[in-house]
Amino acid sequence: MIKAEDANVLVVCTPNGLHAEHSIRGLENGIHVLCEKPMALKVDDCISMMNAAQKAGKHLLVVKQNRYNPPVVTVKRLLDENKLGKISGFQVNGFWNRPSSYYKQSWHGSLDMDGGTLFTQFSHFIDLLYWFLGDVERVEAMAGNFQHADLIEFEDSACILIKMKNGAIGSFNYNVNAFQKNMEGSVTLFGESGSVKIGGEYLNILEYFLVEGMEIPDLKKGNPANNYGTHLGSMNNHREVYDHLEKVLSGEQAPLPDPRDAMKTVEIISKIYQKIR
């Protein structure tokens, strides 16, 4: 396809385990690449992708559409302006539903092509944790496969304890066992000057806001969740992703998303899976 078409941009939407190979092939053929999450399943593959982009002189972008959710943008601004003060604690929850039909006769559930629940369902949560608080220093983890034992090669539920390099400590609890439908996707931060919670099913609602000297902001309505038939997924912000891509290709200053951030997500997930496995 690459050789047959006069293409400017390759959008990689293949299974996770093929992202690196397909992205590098596009870059080596002189085409800009927009890669869906996760960037890859191994840090070394992420580095190879970035090296290929640098050698080709082409852009490599990774989809991180939840960064455009209105409550996420608001909390990031609070952190950048130090409105919450020093963050001491956090809680991240991802309680979703993935029925057996999602995994049957699919690459979903395979270690080689899927990689794990953190890669396919909850990498956006890890991305936001890193975007908000910086790098991870230490993790401890417990996990199990309770409802998908004959369908997937990894965990469907886990509890993670995390210490950030800035000293904050917190937990990340996730599973795909919520009964019949997605239940919650949330990030809660506890700071010296305020506490906030981004919640809803898809990090789409500012559920709690108590910040010194501030009123709760009136946020614009976010986009609906993506409908995948068997389930709903993350927010439908791909229009913003493509607007960003257009700005980058036209030479405008566009700070998001950085492939190094996407690589850091893979690195943190790999650190967690080293503990689990």
C-alpha atoms as a PDB file:
ATOM      1  CA  MET A   1       0.000   0.000   0.000  1.00  0.00           C
ATOM      2  CA  ILE A   2       2.840   2.355   0.870  1.00  0.00           C
ATOM      3  CA  LYS A   3       4.485   1.782  -2.496  1.00  0.00           C
ATOM      4  CA  ALA A   4       1.238   2.024  -4.455  1.00  0.00           C
ATOM      5  CA  GLU A   5      -0.012   5.280  -2.965  1.00  0.00           C
ATOM      6  CA  ASP A   6       1.416   8.790  -2.971  1.00  0.00           C
ATOM      7  CA  ALA A   7       0.873   9.123   0.764  1.00  0.00           C
ATOM      8  CA  ASN A   8       1.790  11.929   3.166  1.00  0.00           C
ATOM      9  CA  VAL A   9       0.698  10.311   6.430  1.00  0.00           C
ATOM     10  CA  LEU A  10       0.406   6.717   7.602  1.00  0.00           C
ATOM     11  CA  VAL A  11      -2.083   6.159  10.447  1.00  0.00           C
ATOM     12  CA  VAL A  12      -1.223   2.928  12.248  1.00  0.00           C
ATOM     13  CA  CYS A  13      -4.353   1.279  13.690  1.00  0.00           C
ATOM     14  CA  THR A  14      -3.162  -2.320  13.590  1.00  0.00           C
ATOM     15  CA  PRO A  15      -2.858  -4.619  16.640  1.00  0.00           C
ATOM     16  CA  ASN A  16      -0.536  -3.335  19.364  1.00  0.00           C
ATOM     17  CA  GLY A  17       2.193  -5.844  18.610  1.00  0.00           C
ATOM     18  CA  LEU A  18       2.539  -4.515  15.051  1.00  0.00           C
ATOM     19  CA  HIS A  19       2.723  -0.785  15.834  1.00  0.00           C
ATOM     20  CA  ALA A  20       6.505  -0.604  15.851  1.00  0.00           C
ATOM     21  CA  GLU A  21       7.003  -2.609  12.649  1.00  0.00           C
ATOM     22  CA  HIS A  22       4.376  -0.709  10.687  1.00  0.00           C
ATOM     23  CA  SER A  23       5.403   2.716  11.971  1.00  0.00           C
ATOM     24  CA  ILE A  24       9.051   2.119  11.139  1.00  0.00           C
ATOM     25  CA  ARG A  25       8.134   0.837   7.673  1.00  0.00           C
ATOM     26  CA  GLY A  26       6.189   4.017   6.998  1.00  0.00           C
ATOM     27  CA  LEU A  27       8.939   6.290   8.290  1.00  0.00           C
ATOM     28  CA  GLU A  28      11.593   4.467   6.264  1.00  0.00           C
ATOM     29  CA  ASN A  29       9.480   5.100   3.158  1.00  0.00           C
ATOM     30  CA  GLY A  30       9.419   8.847   3.845  1.00  0.00           C
ATOM     31  CA  ILE A  31       5.918   9.102   5.310  1.00  0.00           C
ATOM     32  CA  HIS A  32       4.843  10.894   8.503  1.00  0.00           C
ATOM     33  CA  VAL A  33       3.296   8.499  11.049  1.00  0.00           C
ATOM     34  CA  LEU A  34       0.400   8.869  13.461  1.00  0.00           C
ATOM     35  CA  CYS A  35       0.352   5.747  15.637  1.00  0.00           C
ATOM     36  CA  GLU A  36      -2.537   4.645  17.819  1.00  0.00           C
ATOM     37  CA  LYS A  37      -1.849   3.824  21.464  1.00  0.00           C
ATOM     38  CA  PRO A  38       0.096   2.091  22.803  1.00  0.00           C
ATOM     39  CA  MET A  39       3.157   3.318  20.940  1.00  0.00           C
ATOM     40  CA  ALA A  40       4.561  -0.228  21.161  1.00  0.00           C
ATOM     41  CA  LEU A  41       4.820  -3.102  23.633  1.00  0.00           C
ATOM     42  CA  LYS A  42       8.542  -2.686  24.371  1.00  0.00           C
ATOM     43  CA  VAL A  43      10.645   0.373  25.202  1.00  0.00           C
ATOM     44  CA  ASP A  44      13.342  -0.736  22.760  1.00  0.00           C
ATOM     45  CA  ASP A  45      10.757  -0.700  19.960  1.00  0.00           C
ATOM     46  CA  CYS A  46       9.725   2.836  20.926  1.00  0.00           C
ATOM     47  CA  ILE A  47      13.352   3.933  20.709  1.00  0.00           C
ATOM     48  CA  SER A  48      13.670   2.297  17.281  1.00  0.00           C
ATOM     49  CA  MET A  49      10.561   4.162  16.125  1.00  0.00           C
ATOM     50  CA  MET A  50      11.926   7.515  17.272  1.00  0.00           C
ATOM     51  CA  ASN A  51      15.300   6.787  15.689  1.00  0.00           C
ATOM     52  CA  ALA A  52      13.588   5.937  12.400  1.00  0.00           C
ATOM     53  CA  ALA A  53      11.654   9.226  12.516  1.00  0.00           C
ATOM     54  CA  GLN A  54      14.805  11.217  13.193  1.00  0.00           C
ATOM     55  CA  LYS A  55      16.728   9.455  10.407  1.00  0.00           C
ATOM     56  CA  ALA A  56      13.890  10.002   7.929  1.00  0.00           C
ATOM     57  CA  GLY A  57      13.285  13.598   8.993  1.00  0.00           C
ATOM     58  CA  LYS A  58       9.583  12.814   9.463  1.00  0.00           C
ATOM     59  CA  HIS A  59       7.112  13.323  12.284  1.00  0.00           C
ATOM     60  CA  LEU A  60       6.092  10.493  14.598  1.00  0.00           C
ATOM     61  CA  LEU A  61       2.989  11.223  16.654  1.00  0.00           C
ATOM     62  CA  VAL A  62       1.072   8.961  19.043  1.00  0.00           C
ATOM     63  CA  VAL A  63      -2.660   9.228  19.766  1.00  0.00           C
ATOM     64  CA  LYS A  64      -3.343  10.450  23.312  1.00  0.00           C
ATOM     65  CA  GLN A  65      -6.867  11.727  22.863  1.00  0.00           C
ATOM     66  CA  ASN A  66      -7.847  11.804  26.540  1.00  0.00           C
ATOM     67  CA  ARG A  67      -5.508  14.732  27.068  1.00  0.00           C
ATOM     68  CA  TYR A  68      -8.142  16.803  25.295  1.00  0.00           C
ATOM     69  CA  ASN A  69     -10.975  15.966  27.736  1.00  0.00           C
ATOM     70  CA  PRO A  70     -12.172  19.296  29.272  1.00  0.00           C
ATOM     71  CA  PRO A  71     -11.682  18.200  32.932  1.00  0.00           C
ATOM     72  CA  VAL A  72      -8.242  16.783  32.094  1.00  0.00           C
ATOM     73  CA  VAL A  73      -7.209  20.091  30.485  1.00  0.00           C
ATOM     74  CA  THR A  74      -8.489  21.955  33.562  1.00  0.00           C
ATOM     75  CA  VAL A  75      -6.584  19.823  36.071  1.00  0.00           C
ATOM     76  CA  LYS A  76      -3.386  20.005  34.023  1.00  0.00           C
ATOM     77  CA  ARG A  77      -3.667  23.798  34.071  1.00  0.00           C
ATOM     78  CA  LEU A  78      -4.149  23.760  37.859  1.00  0.00           C
ATOM     79  CA  LEU A  79      -0.988  21.678  38.231  1.00  0.00           C
ATOM     80  CA  ASP A  80       1.033  23.872  35.874  1.00  0.00           C
ATOM     81  CA  GLU A  81      -0.035  26.965  37.848  1.00  0.00           C
ATOM     82  CA  ASN A  82       0.617  25.213  41.202  1.00  0.00           C
ATOM     83  CA  LYS A  83      -2.951  25.843  42.337  1.00  0.00           C
ATOM     84  CA  LEU A  84      -3.123  22.513  44.161  1.00  0.00           C
ATOM     85  CA  GLY A  85       0.204  22.891  45.933  1.00  0.00           C
ATOM     86  CA  LYS A  86       2.444  19.897  46.534  1.00  0.00           C
ATOM     87  CA  ILE A  87       0.652  16.667  45.588  1.00  0.00           C
ATOM     88  CA  SER A  88       0.972  14.032  48.297  1.00  0.00           C
ATOM     89  CA  GLY A  89      -1.481  11.385  47.135  1.00  0.00           C
ATOM     90  CA  PHE A  90      -3.546  10.118  44.230  1.00  0.00           C
ATOM     91  CA  GLN A  91      -5.991   7.417  43.265  1.00  0.00           C
ATOM     92  CA  VAL A  92      -6.597   6.112  39.750  1.00  0.00           C
ATOM     93  CA  ASN A  93      -9.517   3.781  38.995  1.00  0.00           C
ATOM     94  CA  GLY A  94     -10.476   2.006  35.796  1.00  0.00           C
ATOM     95  CA  PHE A  95     -13.501  -0.251  36.196  1.00  0.00           C
ATOM     96  CA  TRP A  96     -14.667  -1.297  32.755  1.00  0.00           C
ATOM     97  CA  ASN A  97     -16.460  -4.190  31.100  1.00  0.00           C
ATOM     98  CA  ARG A  98     -15.096  -6.330  28.308  1.00  0.00           C
ATOM     99  CA  PRO A  99     -17.381  -9.257  27.463  1.00  0.00           C
ATOM    100  CA  SER A 100     -16.146 -12.585  26.143  1.00  0.00           C
ATOM    101  CA  SER A 101     -17.275 -11.581  22.626  1.00  0.00           C
ATOM    102  CA  TYR A 102     -14.651  -8.829  22.670  1.00  0.00           C
ATOM    103  CA  TYR A 103     -11.864 -11.390  22.974  1.00  0.00           C
ATOM    104  CA  LYS A 104     -13.146 -14.334  20.961  1.00  0.00           C
ATOM    105  CA  GLN A 105     -11.516 -14.841  17.540  1.00  0.00           C
ATOM    106  CA  SER A 106      -9.522 -11.649  17.956  1.00  0.00           C
ATOM    107  CA  TRP A 107      -5.988 -10.465  18.629  1.00  0.00           C
ATOM    108  CA  HIS A 108      -7.360  -9.048  21.876  1.00  0.00           C
ATOM    109  CA  GLY A 109      -6.151 -11.161  24.764  1.00  0.00           C
ATOM    110  CA  SER A 110      -2.892 -12.272  23.149  1.00  0.00           C
ATOM    111  CA  LEU A 111       0.378 -11.427  24.885  1.00  0.00           C
ATOM    112  CA  ASP A 112       2.156 -10.941  21.544  1.00  0.00           C
ATOM    113  CA  MET A 113      -0.448  -8.749  19.838  1.00  0.00           C
ATOM    114  CA  ASP A 114      -2.401  -7.203  22.741  1.00  0.00           C
ATOM    115  CA  GLY A 115       0.218  -7.068  25.465  1.00  0.00           C
ATOM    116  CA  GLY A 116      -2.097  -6.780  28.438  1.00  0.00           C
ATOM    117  CA  THR A 117      -5.039  -4.921  29.925  1.00  0.00           C
ATOM    118  CA  LEU A 118      -2.828  -1.966  30.818  1.00  0.00           C
ATOM    119  CA  PHE A 119      -1.702  -1.574  27.211  1.00  0.00           C
ATOM    120  CA  THR A 120      -5.077  -1.911  25.498  1.00  0.00           C
ATOM    121  CA  GLN A 121      -7.599  -0.574  28.016  1.00  0.00           C
ATOM    122  CA  PHE A 122      -5.755   1.660  30.457  1.00  0.00           C
ATOM    123  CA  SER A 123      -2.612   3.088  28.863  1.00  0.00           C
ATOM    124  CA  HIS A 124      -4.357   6.488  28.716  1.00  0.00           C
ATOM    125  CA  PHE A 125      -4.619   6.407  32.513  1.00  0.00           C
ATOM    126  CA  ILE A 126      -0.880   5.806  32.852  1.00  0.00           C
ATOM    127  CA  ASP A 127      -0.250   8.590  30.340  1.00  0.00           C
ATOM    128  CA  LEU A 128      -2.295  11.065  32.399  1.00  0.00           C
ATOM    129  CA  LEU A 129      -0.611  10.020  35.645  1.00  0.00           C
ATOM    130  CA  TYR A 130       2.779  10.708  34.052  1.00  0.00           C
ATOM    131  CA  TRP A 131       1.537  13.962  32.448  1.00  0.00           C
ATOM    132  CA  PHE A 132       0.198  15.180  35.785  1.00  0.00           C
ATOM    133  CA  LEU A 133       2.847  14.007  38.260  1.00  0.00           C
ATOM    134  CA  GLY A 134       5.981  12.980  36.389  1.00  0.00           C
ATOM    135  CA  ASP A 135       7.876   9.717  36.515  1.00  0.00           C
ATOM    136  CA  VAL A 136       7.348   6.633  38.653  1.00  0.00           C
ATOM    137  CA  GLU A 137       9.964   5.579  41.202  1.00  0.00           C
ATOM    138  CA  ARG A 138       8.563   2.302  42.532  1.00  0.00           C
ATOM    139  CA  VAL A 139       5.607  -0.024  42.029  1.00  0.00           C
ATOM    140  CA  GLU A 140       4.142  -3.025  43.830  1.00  0.00           C
ATOM    141  CA  ALA A 141       1.364  -5.072  42.269  1.00  0.00           C
ATOM    142  CA  MET A 142      -1.155  -7.868  42.677  1.00  0.00           C
ATOM    143  CA  ALA A 143      -3.225  -9.216  39.787  1.00  0.00           C
ATOM    144  CA  GLY A 144      -5.391 -12.079  38.643  1.00  0.00           C
ATOM    145  CA  ASN A 145      -7.551 -13.374  35.820  1.00  0.00           C
ATOM    146  CA  PHE A 146     -10.970 -13.981  37.354  1.00  0.00           C
ATOM    147  CA  GLN A 147     -13.564 -13.857  34.568  1.00  0.00           C
ATOM    148  CA  HIS A 148     -11.588 -14.403  31.344  1.00  0.00           C
ATOM    149  CA  ALA A 149      -9.452 -17.438  32.214  1.00  0.00           C
ATOM    150  CA  ASP A 150     -10.039 -19.260  28.920  1.00  0.00           C
ATOM    151  CA  LEU A 151      -9.921 -16.124  26.754  1.00  0.00           C
ATOM    152  CA  ILE A 152      -6.874 -14.018  27.587  1.00  0.00           C
ATOM    153  CA  GLU A 153      -3.225 -14.667  28.409  1.00  0.00           C
ATOM    154  CA  PHE A 154      -2.912 -12.018  31.139  1.00  0.00           C
ATOM    155  CA  GLU A 155      -4.712 -10.290  34.006  1.00  0.00           C
ATOM    156  CA  ASP A 156      -8.259  -8.962  33.931  1.00  0.00           C
ATOM    157  CA  SER A 157      -7.901  -7.287  37.344  1.00  0.00           C
ATOM    158  CA  ALA A 158      -5.074  -5.653  39.296  1.00  0.00           C
ATOM    159  CA  CYS A 159      -4.224  -3.418  42.244  1.00  0.00           C
ATOM    160  CA  ILE A 160      -1.063  -1.338  41.909  1.00  0.00           C
ATOM    161  CA  LEU A 161       0.734   0.701  44.590  1.00  0.00           C
ATOM    162  CA  ILE A 162       2.836   3.489  43.131  1.00  0.00           C
ATOM    163  CA  LYS A 163       5.409   5.929  44.487  1.00  0.00           C
ATOM    164  CA  MET A 164       6.222   8.822  42.179  1.00  0.00           C
ATOM    165  CA  LYS A 165       9.664  10.410  41.949  1.00  0.00           C
ATOM    166  CA  ASN A 166       8.168  13.620  43.357  1.00  0.00           C
ATOM    167  CA  GLY A 167       7.269  11.726  46.540  1.00  0.00           C
ATOM    168  CA  ALA A 168       3.510  11.311  45.981  1.00  0.00           C
ATOM    169  CA  ILE A 169       2.072   7.891  46.749  1.00  0.00           C
ATOM    170  CA  GLY A 170      -1.126   6.358  45.451  1.00  0.00           C
ATOM    171  CA  SER A 171      -2.923   3.416  43.911  1.00  0.00           C
ATOM    172  CA  PHE A 172      -4.193   2.312  40.534  1.00  0.00           C
ATOM    173  CA  ASN A 173      -7.029  -0.209  40.663  1.00  0.00           C
ATOM    174  CA  TYR A 174      -8.316  -1.559  37.375  1.00  0.00           C
ATOM    175  CA  ASN A 175     -10.344  -4.387  35.915  1.00  0.00           C
ATOM    176  CA  VAL A 176     -12.510  -5.287  32.927  1.00  0.00           C
ATOM    177  CA  ASN A 177     -14.994  -7.154  35.100  1.00  0.00           C
ATOM    178  CA  ALA A 178     -17.574  -4.448  35.812  1.00  0.00           C
ATOM    179  CA  PHE A 179     -20.989  -6.050  35.395  1.00  0.00           C
ATOM    180  CA  GLN A 180     -22.502  -5.563  31.901  1.00  0.00           C
ATOM    181  CA  LYS A 181     -21.047  -2.093  31.200  1.00  0.00           C
ATOM    182  CA  ASN A 182     -18.229   0.307  32.004  1.00  0.00           C
ATOM    183  CA  MET A 183     -18.535   1.778  35.475  1.00  0.00           C
ATOM    184  CA  GLU A 184     -15.779   4.294  36.199  1.00  0.00           C
ATOM    185  CA  GLY A 185     -12.626   5.912  34.891  1.00  0.00           C
ATOM    186  CA  SER A 186     -11.160   8.357  37.362  1.00  0.00           C
ATOM    187  CA  VAL A 187      -8.078  10.210  38.594  1.00  0.00           C
ATOM    188  CA  THR A 188      -8.106  11.851  42.042  1.00  0.00           C
ATOM    189  CA  LEU A 189      -5.359  14.171  43.286  1.00  0.00           C
ATOM    190  CA  PHE A 190      -4.750  15.343  46.867  1.00  0.00           C
ATOM    191  CA  GLY A 191      -2.690  18.522  47.220  1.00  0.00           C
ATOM    192  CA  GLU A 192      -1.806  20.969  49.969  1.00  0.00           C
ATOM    193  CA  SER A 193      -4.167  23.580  48.539  1.00  0.00           C
ATOM    194  CA  GLY A 194      -6.858  21.484  46.920  1.00  0.00           C
ATOM    195  CA  SER A 195      -8.367  18.141  45.994  1.00  0.00           C
ATOM    196  CA  VAL A 196      -9.848  17.268  42.610  1.00  0.00           C
ATOM    197  CA  LYS A 197     -11.377  14.221  40.996  1.00  0.00           C
ATOM    198  CA  ILE A 198     -11.820  13.609  37.288  1.00  0.00           C
ATOM    199  CA  GLY A 199     -14.438  10.891  36.984  1.00  0.00           C
ATOM    200  CA  GLY A 200     -17.366   9.589  34.999  1.00  0.00           C
ATOM    201  CA  GLU A 201     -16.985   6.454  32.930  1.00  0.00           C
ATOM    202  CA  TYR A 202     -14.249   7.886  30.700  1.00  0.00           C
ATOM    203  CA  LEU A 203     -12.422  10.664  32.603  1.00  0.00           C
ATOM    204  CA  ASN A 204     -15.068  13.020  31.253  1.00  0.00           C
ATOM    205  CA  ILE A 205     -16.592  14.649  34.362  1.00  0.00           C
ATOM    206  CA  LEU A 206     -15.096  16.949  37.005  1.00  0.00           C
ATOM    207  CA  GLU A 207     -16.655  15.072  39.928  1.00  0.00           C
ATOM    208  CA  TYR A 208     -14.963  16.851  42.833  1.00  0.00           C
ATOM    209  CA  PHE A 209     -13.343  20.285  43.027  1.00  0.00           C
ATOM    210  CA  LEU A 210     -12.262  22.002  46.219  1.00  0.00           C
ATOM    211  CA  VAL A 211      -9.355  24.359  45.604  1.00  0.00           C
ATOM    212  CA  GLU A 212      -8.293  27.202  47.844  1.00  0.00           C
ATOM    213  CA  GLY A 213      -9.523  30.572  46.543  1.00  0.00           C
ATOM    214  CA  MET A 214     -11.251  29.104  43.469  1.00  0.00           C
ATOM    215  CA  GLU A 215     -14.804  28.365  42.376  1.00  0.00           C
ATOM    216  CA  ILE A 216     -15.553  25.200  40.446  1.00  0.00           C
ATOM    217  CA  PRO A 217     -15.029  26.027  36.755  1.00  0.00           C
ATOM    218  CA  ASP A 218     -17.809  25.838  34.196  1.00  0.00           C
ATOM    219  CA  LEU A 219     -16.391  23.379  31.688  1.00  0.00           C
ATOM    220  CA  LYS A 220     -17.435  23.046  28.079  1.00  0.00           C
ATOM    221  CA  LYS A 221     -19.238  19.830  27.236  1.00  0.00           C
ATOM    222  CA  GLY A 222     -16.870  17.115  26.099  1.00  0.00           C
ATOM    223  CA  ASN A 223     -17.260  14.762  23.171  1.00  0.00           C
ATOM    224  CA  PRO A 224     -19.165  11.474  23.577  1.00  0.00           C
ATOM    225  CA  ALA A 225     -17.401   8.166  24.097  1.00  0.00           C
ATOM    226  CA  ASN A 226     -16.414   6.013  21.141  1.00  0.00           C
ATOM    227  CA  ASN A 227     -18.971   3.279  20.420  1.00  0.00           C
ATOM    228  CA  TYR A 228     -17.332  -0.007  19.458  1.00  0.00           C
ATOM    229  CA  GLY A 229     -20.509  -2.083  19.325  1.00  0.00           C
ATOM    230  CA  THR A 230     -19.752  -4.514  22.151  1.00  0.00           C
ATOM    231  CA  HIS A 231     -18.670  -1.677  24.456  1.00  0.00           C
ATOM    232  CA  LEU A 232     -18.028   2.041  24.767  1.00  0.00           C
ATOM    233  CA  GLY A 233     -14.460   3.277  24.920  1.00  0.00           C
ATOM    234  CA  SER A 234     -12.451   6.413  25.555  1.00  0.00           C
ATOM    235  CA  MET A 235     -13.609   9.862  24.526  1.00  0.00           C
ATOM    236  CA  ASN A 236     -14.096  10.599  20.839  1.00  0.00           C
ATOM    237  CA  ASN A 237     -11.411  13.276  20.624  1.00  0.00           C
ATOM    238  CA  HIS A 238      -9.729  12.087  17.440  1.00  0.00           C
ATOM    239  CA  ARG A 239     -10.821  15.271  15.668  1.00  0.00           C
ATOM    240  CA  GLU A 240      -8.542  17.155  18.064  1.00  0.00           C
ATOM    241  CA  VAL A 241      -5.761  14.663  17.366  1.00  0.00           C
ATOM    242  CA  TYR A 242      -6.030  15.272  13.624  1.00  0.00           C
ATOM    243  CA  ASP A 243      -6.222  19.043  14.119  1.00  0.00           C
ATOM    244  CA  HIS A 244      -2.987  18.745  16.054  1.00  0.00           C
ATOM    245  CA  LEU A 245      -1.439  16.633  13.289  1.00  0.00           C
ATOM    246  CA  GLU A 246      -2.395  19.266  10.727  1.00  0.00           C
ATOM    247  CA  LYS A 247      -0.733  22.002  12.810  1.00  0.00           C
ATOM    248  CA  VAL A 248       2.442  19.959  13.191  1.00  0.00           C
ATOM    249  CA  LEU A 249       2.675  19.283   9.443  1.00  0.00           C
ATOM    250  CA  SER A 250       2.126  22.974   8.680  1.00  0.00           C
ATOM    251  CA  GLY A 251       4.995  23.964  10.984  1.00  0.00           C
ATOM    252  CA  GLU A 252       2.948  25.448  13.828  1.00  0.00           C
ATOM    253  CA  GLN A 253       3.911  25.103  17.468  1.00  0.00           C
ATOM    254  CA  ALA A 254       1.956  22.103  18.726  1.00  0.00           C
ATOM    255  CA  PRO A 255       3.268  20.635  21.989  1.00  0.00           C
ATOM    256  CA  LEU A 256       1.129  17.475  22.105  1.00  0.00           C
ATOM    257  CA  PRO A 257       1.588  14.568  21.913  1.00  0.00           C
ATOM    258  CA  ASP A 258       5.304  13.932  22.340  1.00  0.00           C
ATOM    259  CA  PRO A 259       6.499  10.429  21.379  1.00  0.00           C
ATOM    260  CA  ARG A 260       8.835  10.500  24.380  1.00  0.00           C
ATOM    261  CA  ASP A 261       5.773  10.754  26.627  1.00  0.00           C
ATOM    262  CA  ALA A 262       4.250   7.803  24.782  1.00  0.00           C
ATOM    263  CA  MET A 263       7.461   5.840  25.328  1.00  0.00           C
ATOM    264  CA  LYS A 264       7.352   6.719  29.034  1.00  0.00           C
ATOM    265  CA  THR A 265       3.863   5.190  29.229  1.00  0.00           C
ATOM    266  CA  VAL A 266       5.262   1.948  27.780  1.00  0.00           C
ATOM    267  CA  GLU A 267       8.159   2.078  30.243  1.00  0.00           C
ATOM    268  CA  ILE A 268       5.872   2.498  33.271  1.00  0.00           C
ATOM    269  CA  ILE A 269       3.516  -0.256  32.110  1.00  0.00           C
ATOM    270  CA  SER A 270       6.506  -2.557  31.572  1.00  0.00           C
ATOM    271  CA  LYS A 271       7.689  -1.807  35.118  1.00  0.00           C
ATOM    272  CA  ILE A 272       4.256  -2.757  36.479  1.00  0.00           C
ATOM    273  CA  TYR A 273       4.127  -5.953  34.413  1.00  0.00           C
ATOM    274  CA  GLN A 274       7.556  -6.973  35.675  1.00  0.00           C
ATOM    275  CA  LYS A 275       6.012  -7.019  39.147  1.00  0.00           C
ATOM    276  CA  ILE A 276       2.807  -8.770  38.077  1.00  0.00           C
ATOM    277  CA  ARG A 277       4.428 -11.451  35.942  1.00  0.00           C
END
